[in-house]
N, C-alpha and C. Protein backbone atom coordinates (compact mmCIF):
# COMPACT_ATOMS: atom_id res chain seq x y z
N MET A 1 83.92 84.07 74.54
CA MET A 1 85.09 84.91 74.77
C MET A 1 84.97 85.50 76.18
N PRO A 2 86.03 85.42 77.00
CA PRO A 2 85.97 85.96 78.36
C PRO A 2 85.94 87.49 78.36
N VAL A 3 85.30 88.03 79.35
CA VAL A 3 85.24 89.48 79.52
C VAL A 3 86.47 89.92 80.30
N VAL A 4 87.16 90.93 79.81
CA VAL A 4 88.34 91.46 80.48
C VAL A 4 88.01 92.87 80.95
N LEU A 5 88.15 93.11 82.23
CA LEU A 5 87.88 94.44 82.77
C LEU A 5 89.06 95.37 82.49
N ALA A 6 88.76 96.63 82.31
CA ALA A 6 89.81 97.61 82.01
C ALA A 6 90.73 97.82 83.20
N THR A 7 90.17 97.72 84.40
CA THR A 7 91.01 97.89 85.58
C THR A 7 90.98 96.60 86.39
N THR A 8 92.11 96.23 86.90
CA THR A 8 92.18 95.07 87.78
C THR A 8 92.59 95.57 89.16
N ARG A 9 92.18 94.84 90.17
CA ARG A 9 92.49 95.23 91.53
C ARG A 9 93.31 94.12 92.17
N THR A 10 94.26 94.52 92.99
CA THR A 10 95.06 93.58 93.73
C THR A 10 94.51 93.50 95.14
N ASN A 11 94.18 92.30 95.58
CA ASN A 11 93.66 92.10 96.92
C ASN A 11 94.69 91.38 97.76
N GLY A 12 94.65 91.64 99.04
CA GLY A 12 95.51 90.94 99.97
C GLY A 12 94.78 90.71 101.27
N LEU A 13 95.06 89.60 101.92
CA LEU A 13 94.45 89.28 103.20
C LEU A 13 95.59 89.05 104.18
N HIS A 14 95.63 89.86 105.23
CA HIS A 14 96.72 89.83 106.19
C HIS A 14 96.16 89.45 107.56
N PRO A 15 96.52 88.27 108.08
CA PRO A 15 95.95 87.83 109.36
C PRO A 15 96.49 88.64 110.53
N THR A 16 95.65 88.79 111.56
CA THR A 16 96.10 89.37 112.83
C THR A 16 96.15 88.23 113.83
N LEU A 17 97.32 88.01 114.41
CA LEU A 17 97.57 86.89 115.31
C LEU A 17 97.82 87.36 116.73
N VAL A 18 97.23 86.63 117.69
CA VAL A 18 97.51 86.85 119.11
C VAL A 18 97.75 85.48 119.71
N GLY A 19 98.95 85.28 120.24
CA GLY A 19 99.27 83.99 120.84
C GLY A 19 99.15 82.84 119.86
N GLY A 20 99.46 83.07 118.62
CA GLY A 20 99.37 82.04 117.60
C GLY A 20 97.96 81.80 117.08
N GLU A 21 96.98 82.52 117.59
CA GLU A 21 95.59 82.37 117.17
C GLU A 21 95.21 83.52 116.24
N VAL A 22 94.59 83.20 115.13
CA VAL A 22 94.10 84.24 114.21
C VAL A 22 92.82 84.81 114.80
N ILE A 23 92.84 86.12 115.10
CA ILE A 23 91.65 86.75 115.68
C ILE A 23 90.95 87.66 114.68
N GLY A 24 91.54 87.82 113.53
CA GLY A 24 90.95 88.67 112.50
C GLY A 24 91.89 88.77 111.32
N SER A 25 91.54 89.63 110.40
CA SER A 25 92.38 89.85 109.23
C SER A 25 92.14 91.24 108.68
N ILE A 26 93.12 91.71 107.95
CA ILE A 26 93.02 93.00 107.27
C ILE A 26 92.96 92.72 105.78
N LEU A 27 91.90 93.17 105.16
CA LEU A 27 91.72 92.98 103.72
C LEU A 27 92.14 94.27 103.02
N THR A 28 93.04 94.14 102.06
CA THR A 28 93.47 95.31 101.30
C THR A 28 93.04 95.13 99.85
N GLU A 29 92.72 96.25 99.24
CA GLU A 29 92.36 96.27 97.83
C GLU A 29 93.00 97.51 97.23
N HIS A 30 93.71 97.32 96.15
CA HIS A 30 94.44 98.42 95.53
C HIS A 30 94.43 98.24 94.02
N PRO A 31 94.35 99.34 93.27
CA PRO A 31 94.28 99.20 91.81
C PRO A 31 95.55 98.63 91.18
N GLN A 32 96.68 98.81 91.84
CA GLN A 32 97.96 98.32 91.32
C GLN A 32 98.60 97.42 92.36
N PRO A 33 99.47 96.49 91.94
CA PRO A 33 100.18 95.68 92.94
C PRO A 33 100.98 96.57 93.89
N LEU A 34 101.00 96.19 95.16
CA LEU A 34 101.73 96.96 96.15
C LEU A 34 103.22 96.62 96.07
N ASP A 35 104.05 97.63 96.29
CA ASP A 35 105.49 97.37 96.30
C ASP A 35 105.88 96.78 97.67
N ASP A 36 107.14 96.40 97.81
CA ASP A 36 107.61 95.74 99.04
C ASP A 36 107.41 96.62 100.27
N HIS A 37 107.68 97.91 100.14
CA HIS A 37 107.52 98.83 101.27
C HIS A 37 106.07 98.90 101.72
N GLU A 38 105.14 98.99 100.79
CA GLU A 38 103.72 99.06 101.13
C GLU A 38 103.24 97.75 101.78
N GLN A 39 103.68 96.62 101.25
CA GLN A 39 103.31 95.34 101.83
C GLN A 39 103.86 95.20 103.25
N ARG A 40 105.09 95.63 103.45
CA ARG A 40 105.72 95.58 104.77
C ARG A 40 104.97 96.48 105.75
N SER A 41 104.54 97.64 105.30
CA SER A 41 103.78 98.56 106.16
C SER A 41 102.47 97.94 106.61
N ILE A 42 101.79 97.27 105.70
CA ILE A 42 100.52 96.62 106.05
C ILE A 42 100.76 95.50 107.05
N ARG A 43 101.81 94.71 106.84
CA ARG A 43 102.13 93.63 107.79
C ARG A 43 102.43 94.20 109.17
N GLU A 44 103.15 95.32 109.22
CA GLU A 44 103.48 95.95 110.50
C GLU A 44 102.22 96.46 111.20
N VAL A 45 101.29 97.01 110.44
CA VAL A 45 100.02 97.46 111.03
C VAL A 45 99.28 96.27 111.63
N ALA A 46 99.24 95.16 110.91
CA ALA A 46 98.55 93.96 111.41
C ALA A 46 99.21 93.47 112.69
N VAL A 47 100.53 93.47 112.74
CA VAL A 47 101.26 93.01 113.94
C VAL A 47 100.99 93.94 115.11
N GLN A 48 100.95 95.24 114.89
CA GLN A 48 100.72 96.20 115.97
C GLN A 48 99.26 96.22 116.42
N ALA A 49 98.33 96.00 115.51
CA ALA A 49 96.91 96.05 115.85
C ALA A 49 96.45 94.79 116.57
N ALA A 50 97.07 93.66 116.31
CA ALA A 50 96.60 92.38 116.84
C ALA A 50 96.47 92.36 118.36
N PRO A 51 97.49 92.77 119.14
CA PRO A 51 97.33 92.71 120.59
C PRO A 51 96.26 93.68 121.11
N VAL A 52 96.10 94.81 120.46
CA VAL A 52 95.06 95.76 120.87
C VAL A 52 93.69 95.15 120.64
N LEU A 53 93.49 94.56 119.46
CA LEU A 53 92.22 93.91 119.15
C LEU A 53 91.96 92.73 120.09
N GLY A 54 93.01 91.98 120.40
CA GLY A 54 92.87 90.87 121.33
C GLY A 54 92.45 91.33 122.71
N ASN A 55 93.05 92.41 123.20
CA ASN A 55 92.67 92.95 124.50
C ASN A 55 91.24 93.47 124.50
N LEU A 56 90.84 94.15 123.44
CA LEU A 56 89.46 94.64 123.34
C LEU A 56 88.47 93.48 123.32
N ARG A 57 88.82 92.43 122.62
CA ARG A 57 87.95 91.24 122.58
C ARG A 57 87.83 90.63 123.97
N ASN A 58 88.96 90.50 124.69
CA ASN A 58 88.92 89.92 126.04
C ASN A 58 88.12 90.79 127.00
N LEU A 59 88.25 92.11 126.88
CA LEU A 59 87.47 93.01 127.73
C LEU A 59 85.98 92.89 127.44
N ALA A 60 85.62 92.77 126.17
CA ALA A 60 84.20 92.61 125.81
C ALA A 60 83.64 91.30 126.35
N ILE A 61 84.43 90.24 126.29
CA ILE A 61 83.98 88.95 126.81
C ILE A 61 83.80 89.04 128.33
N ALA A 62 84.78 89.63 129.02
CA ALA A 62 84.69 89.77 130.48
C ALA A 62 83.51 90.65 130.88
N ASP A 63 83.29 91.71 130.13
CA ASP A 63 82.17 92.62 130.42
C ASP A 63 80.84 91.89 130.25
N MET A 64 80.70 91.11 129.20
CA MET A 64 79.46 90.37 128.97
C MET A 64 79.24 89.32 130.06
N ARG A 65 80.32 88.65 130.45
CA ARG A 65 80.19 87.65 131.52
C ARG A 65 79.79 88.31 132.83
N ALA A 66 80.37 89.46 133.13
CA ALA A 66 80.04 90.16 134.38
C ALA A 66 78.59 90.64 134.35
N ALA A 67 78.13 91.08 133.21
CA ALA A 67 76.77 91.61 133.10
C ALA A 67 75.73 90.50 133.18
N THR A 68 76.11 89.29 132.80
CA THR A 68 75.14 88.20 132.78
C THR A 68 75.40 87.16 133.85
N ASP A 69 76.27 87.48 134.80
CA ASP A 69 76.61 86.54 135.87
C ASP A 69 75.43 86.39 136.82
N GLY A 70 74.83 85.21 136.85
CA GLY A 70 73.66 84.97 137.67
C GLY A 70 73.96 84.76 139.14
N SER A 71 75.23 84.62 139.51
CA SER A 71 75.56 84.37 140.91
C SER A 71 75.51 85.64 141.75
N ARG A 72 75.50 86.78 141.13
CA ARG A 72 75.45 88.04 141.87
C ARG A 72 74.01 88.47 142.07
N ARG A 73 73.71 88.89 143.29
CA ARG A 73 72.38 89.43 143.59
C ARG A 73 72.56 90.73 144.31
N PRO A 74 71.99 91.80 143.97
CA PRO A 74 71.28 92.08 142.72
C PRO A 74 72.25 92.27 141.57
N PRO A 75 71.76 92.32 140.35
CA PRO A 75 72.65 92.52 139.21
C PRO A 75 73.40 93.84 139.33
N THR A 76 74.56 93.87 138.71
CA THR A 76 75.37 95.08 138.74
C THR A 76 74.67 96.17 137.94
N PRO A 77 74.92 97.44 138.26
CA PRO A 77 74.31 98.52 137.46
C PRO A 77 74.63 98.37 135.98
N ARG A 78 75.84 97.92 135.67
CA ARG A 78 76.20 97.72 134.26
C ARG A 78 75.30 96.65 133.64
N GLY A 79 75.03 95.59 134.37
CA GLY A 79 74.16 94.54 133.87
C GLY A 79 72.74 95.05 133.65
N LEU A 80 72.29 95.94 134.52
CA LEU A 80 70.96 96.52 134.34
C LEU A 80 70.90 97.37 133.07
N ASP A 81 71.96 98.14 132.81
CA ASP A 81 72.00 98.96 131.60
C ASP A 81 71.90 98.10 130.35
N LEU A 82 72.56 96.94 130.35
CA LEU A 82 72.53 96.07 129.19
C LEU A 82 71.16 95.43 129.01
N ASP A 83 70.46 95.19 130.14
CA ASP A 83 69.14 94.57 130.05
C ASP A 83 68.09 95.51 129.48
N LEU A 84 68.27 96.81 129.67
CA LEU A 84 67.30 97.77 129.17
C LEU A 84 67.48 97.91 127.71
């Protein structure tokens, strides 16, 4: 006989897209199914957060490349901080 839990949870996975590329997702968990307004709000948050997250990702990549760029002599102070 299968075990039935007293409470069920509704999960949702909402992708965050930048330029057609999925850069992350928002996972939601709620004890009851979300109504249309709540689902729309979560989608809007994902749409608004995606470009911010994309920019932060690009800045982190550029920062790492600048800190580890071997063509510069001597290394930048930022690169020295990361090495310590």
